[in-house]
Amino acid sequence: MGKKSKKEETRDKPDLHRSHEGEQKEAGEEEFTSKLQEKEKEAAGNYDKYLRAVAELENYKKRAAREKADSIKYGVENLIRDILPMVDSLDRALQHAKNSEDIRAFNEGLRLVRNQLMGCLEKHGVQRVECVDKVFDPSVHEAMFQVDSNTHEDNQVIEELEKGYLLNGRLLRPAKVSVCRRLKTEECKEEHIED
């Protein structure tokens, strides 16, 4: 056989350079594939964590709503427990009133039950609004009418018609009161002259 040209030699020889590039390419693809699989596993793990966190949040919301509903439904349970003995006392007083003619004892029994009830309400944060002989305060008093008088100061509460109450400092019900409107000296003189 004759001598081959350089072109023919290069064609006939296995291309080492190309095979080396192919091996590198294959190794790169394998590395890429393994990294991709690793990231897919990591993404699946993160997605699983996300689903668990969402489910946990939904369960928390449901539990909180249920606890709030129970709190509203049974929130007055302690107050009711404290009031029930007073109902028993009233029942005993009524039973005693049927069999007795002693009005003083019945009256005393009612006073004791009232004191028991007020003690229970105070225990739960209820306070009475003080009125009589105080200056009229529209934030806790409701004026039902005014009374002309010189014996009291202007805007002074003269009489309490219905008691007012606060619950932990917040107004439950204003006290219904009558308020003094002090007569001016000219009106007083006219009043005395007419008498």
Protein backbone atom coordinates (compact mmCIF):
# COMPACT_ATOMS: atom_id res chain seq x y z
CA MET A 1 0.00 0.00 0.00
CA GLY A 2 1.15 3.37 -0.68
CA LYS A 3 1.63 6.28 1.43
CA LYS A 4 -1.47 7.96 2.71
CA SER A 5 -1.90 11.60 2.74
CA LYS A 6 -2.23 13.46 5.99
CA LYS A 7 -5.90 13.96 5.42
CA GLU A 8 -6.46 10.28 4.99
CA GLU A 9 -4.41 9.53 8.09
CA THR A 10 -6.47 11.88 10.19
CA ARG A 11 -9.62 10.32 8.84
CA ASP A 12 -8.53 6.81 9.54
CA LYS A 13 -7.17 7.53 13.04
CA PRO A 14 -9.76 7.60 15.79
CA ASP A 15 -10.36 11.14 16.76
CA LEU A 16 -8.94 11.31 20.26
CA HIS A 17 -9.88 14.90 20.70
CA ARG A 18 -13.49 14.30 19.79
CA SER A 19 -13.78 11.25 22.01
CA HIS A 20 -12.28 13.18 24.90
CA GLU A 21 -14.84 15.96 24.33
CA GLY A 22 -17.62 13.36 24.24
CA GLU A 23 -16.50 11.86 27.52
CA GLN A 24 -16.41 15.29 29.12
CA LYS A 25 -19.82 16.04 27.72
CA GLU A 26 -21.19 12.75 29.04
CA ALA A 27 -19.63 13.38 32.47
CA GLY A 28 -21.13 16.89 32.48
CA GLU A 29 -24.56 15.52 31.57
CA GLU A 30 -24.34 12.92 34.32
CA GLU A 31 -23.30 15.56 36.84
CA PHE A 32 -26.09 17.83 35.61
CA THR A 33 -28.60 14.99 35.84
CA SER A 34 -27.52 14.09 39.37
CA LYS A 35 -27.71 17.75 40.46
CA LEU A 36 -31.12 18.07 38.80
CA GLN A 37 -32.37 14.97 40.61
CA GLU A 38 -30.97 16.33 43.88
CA LYS A 39 -32.76 19.67 43.36
CA GLU A 40 -35.98 17.87 42.38
CA LYS A 41 -35.81 15.93 45.67
CA GLU A 42 -35.14 19.17 47.54
CA ALA A 43 -38.07 20.86 45.75
CA ALA A 44 -40.35 17.90 46.57
CA GLY A 45 -39.25 18.12 50.22
CA ASN A 46 -39.92 21.86 50.29
CA TYR A 47 -43.32 21.36 48.65
CA ASP A 48 -44.16 18.70 51.26
CA LYS A 49 -43.11 21.12 54.04
CA TYR A 50 -45.25 23.83 52.44
CA LEU A 51 -48.29 21.55 52.30
CA ARG A 52 -47.80 20.55 55.92
CA ALA A 53 -47.44 24.20 56.98
CA VAL A 54 -50.62 25.16 55.10
CA ALA A 55 -52.51 22.24 56.67
CA GLU A 56 -51.18 23.16 60.12
CA LEU A 57 -52.27 26.79 59.61
CA GLU A 58 -55.76 25.70 58.54
CA ASN A 59 -56.02 23.43 61.58
CA TYR A 60 -54.88 26.30 63.81
CA LYS A 61 -57.52 28.61 62.30
CA LYS A 62 -60.25 26.01 62.86
CA ARG A 63 -59.07 25.35 66.43
CA ALA A 64 -58.92 29.09 67.21
CA ALA A 65 -62.42 29.64 65.78
CA ARG A 66 -63.75 26.71 67.82
CA GLU A 67 -62.07 28.01 71.00
CA LYS A 68 -63.47 31.50 70.37
CA ALA A 69 -66.97 30.10 69.86
CA ASP A 70 -66.65 28.06 73.06
CA SER A 71 -65.36 31.11 74.90
CA ILE A 72 -68.38 33.11 73.78
CA LYS A 73 -70.78 30.26 74.48
CA TYR A 74 -69.38 29.34 77.89
CA GLY A 75 -67.70 32.63 78.87
CA VAL A 76 -70.28 33.43 81.52
CA GLU A 77 -70.04 29.98 83.09
CA ASN A 78 -68.22 31.23 86.22
CA LEU A 79 -70.71 34.07 86.67
CA ILE A 80 -73.64 31.65 86.38
CA ARG A 81 -72.03 29.30 88.91
CA ASP A 82 -71.73 32.23 91.32
CA ILE A 83 -75.35 33.32 90.76
CA LEU A 84 -76.93 29.88 91.25
CA PRO A 85 -76.55 29.96 95.08
CA MET A 86 -78.53 33.22 95.08
CA VAL A 87 -81.33 31.53 93.14
CA ASP A 88 -81.31 28.82 95.81
CA SER A 89 -81.45 31.49 98.52
CA LEU A 90 -84.40 33.20 96.82
CA ASP A 91 -86.20 29.86 96.53
CA ARG A 92 -85.68 29.23 100.25
CA ALA A 93 -86.88 32.77 101.09
CA LEU A 94 -90.04 32.31 98.99
CA GLN A 95 -90.70 28.93 100.59
CA HIS A 96 -90.22 30.47 104.04
CA ALA A 97 -92.55 33.37 103.14
CA LYS A 98 -95.35 30.89 102.35
CA ASN A 99 -95.14 29.36 105.82
CA SER A 100 -94.42 32.50 107.85
CA GLU A 101 -96.10 35.75 108.68
CA ASP A 102 -92.85 37.40 109.82
CA ILE A 103 -92.30 40.19 107.29
CA ARG A 104 -89.15 41.44 109.04
CA ALA A 105 -87.43 38.07 108.65
CA PHE A 106 -88.49 37.91 105.00
CA ASN A 107 -87.23 41.45 104.44
CA GLU A 108 -83.92 40.59 106.11
CA GLY A 109 -83.62 37.47 103.95
CA LEU A 110 -84.12 39.51 100.77
CA ARG A 111 -81.52 42.03 101.94
CA LEU A 112 -79.02 39.18 102.51
CA VAL A 113 -79.70 37.76 99.03
CA ARG A 114 -79.25 41.22 97.51
CA ASN A 115 -75.92 41.61 99.33
CA GLN A 116 -74.89 38.16 98.11
CA LEU A 117 -75.76 39.15 94.53
CA MET A 118 -73.86 42.44 94.75
CA GLY A 119 -70.83 40.59 96.16
CA CYS A 120 -70.96 38.19 93.22
CA LEU A 121 -71.20 41.04 90.71
CA GLU A 122 -68.30 42.90 92.37
CA LYS A 123 -66.24 39.70 92.19
CA HIS A 124 -66.77 39.75 88.42
CA GLY A 125 -65.78 43.42 88.01
CA VAL A 126 -69.16 45.16 88.33
CA GLN A 127 -69.15 48.44 90.26
CA ARG A 128 -72.00 50.75 91.14
CA VAL A 129 -71.89 54.33 89.84
CA GLU A 130 -72.03 56.74 92.76
CA CYS A 131 -74.55 59.52 92.13
CA VAL A 132 -76.32 61.33 94.92
CA ASP A 133 -74.71 64.63 95.91
CA LYS A 134 -72.12 64.26 93.14
CA VAL A 135 -71.68 66.66 90.22
CA PHE A 136 -73.64 65.49 87.16
CA ASP A 137 -71.34 63.59 84.79
CA PRO A 138 -72.93 62.83 81.39
CA SER A 139 -70.48 59.97 80.81
CA VAL A 140 -72.04 57.94 83.67
CA HIS A 141 -75.32 59.74 84.47
CA GLU A 142 -78.48 60.13 82.43
CA ALA A 143 -80.54 63.17 83.46
CA MET A 144 -84.23 62.33 83.55
CA PHE A 145 -85.34 65.78 84.70
CA GLN A 146 -84.13 68.92 86.42
CA VAL A 147 -85.29 70.17 89.81
CA ASP A 148 -85.25 73.85 90.72
CA SER A 149 -83.58 74.24 94.10
CA ASN A 150 -81.41 76.53 96.17
CA THR A 151 -80.45 73.87 98.68
CA HIS A 152 -78.14 72.08 96.21
CA GLU A 153 -75.39 73.23 93.90
CA ASP A 154 -76.06 73.76 90.20
CA ASN A 155 -75.68 70.48 88.23
CA GLN A 156 -75.60 68.42 91.43
CA VAL A 157 -77.36 65.06 91.39
CA ILE A 158 -80.30 65.23 93.78
CA GLU A 159 -81.89 61.82 93.41
CA GLU A 160 -80.97 58.47 91.87
CA LEU A 161 -83.95 56.97 90.03
CA GLU A 162 -82.13 53.91 88.68
CA LYS A 163 -78.66 52.71 89.63
CA GLY A 164 -75.87 52.74 87.08
CA TYR A 165 -73.11 50.14 86.78
CA LEU A 166 -69.59 49.82 85.37
CA LEU A 167 -67.93 46.58 84.25
CA ASN A 168 -64.16 46.79 84.74
CA GLY A 169 -64.34 50.55 84.26
CA ARG A 170 -66.58 50.43 81.16
CA LEU A 171 -70.13 51.76 81.46
CA LEU A 172 -72.76 49.00 81.44
CA ARG A 173 -75.71 51.22 82.24
CA PRO A 174 -75.83 54.91 83.14
CA ALA A 175 -77.47 55.96 86.37
CA LYS A 176 -80.81 57.69 85.80
CA VAL A 177 -80.86 60.79 87.97
CA SER A 178 -82.57 64.08 88.69
CA VAL A 179 -80.29 67.10 88.54
CA CYS A 180 -80.45 70.42 90.38
CA ARG A 181 -80.96 73.61 88.47
CA ARG A 182 -80.07 76.30 90.93
CA LEU A 183 -82.39 79.24 90.95
CA LYS A 184 -80.89 82.62 90.27
CA THR A 185 -81.22 85.18 93.06
CA GLU A 186 -83.91 87.14 91.14
CA GLU A 187 -86.00 83.99 90.72
CA CYS A 188 -85.56 83.22 94.43
CA LYS A 189 -86.82 86.67 95.43
CA GLU A 190 -89.84 86.29 93.13
CA GLU A 191 -90.56 82.88 94.61
CA HIS A 192 -90.43 84.24 98.18
CA ILE A 193 -92.65 87.21 97.28
CA GLU A 194 -95.28 84.92 95.74
CA ASP A 195 -95.31 82.70 98.83
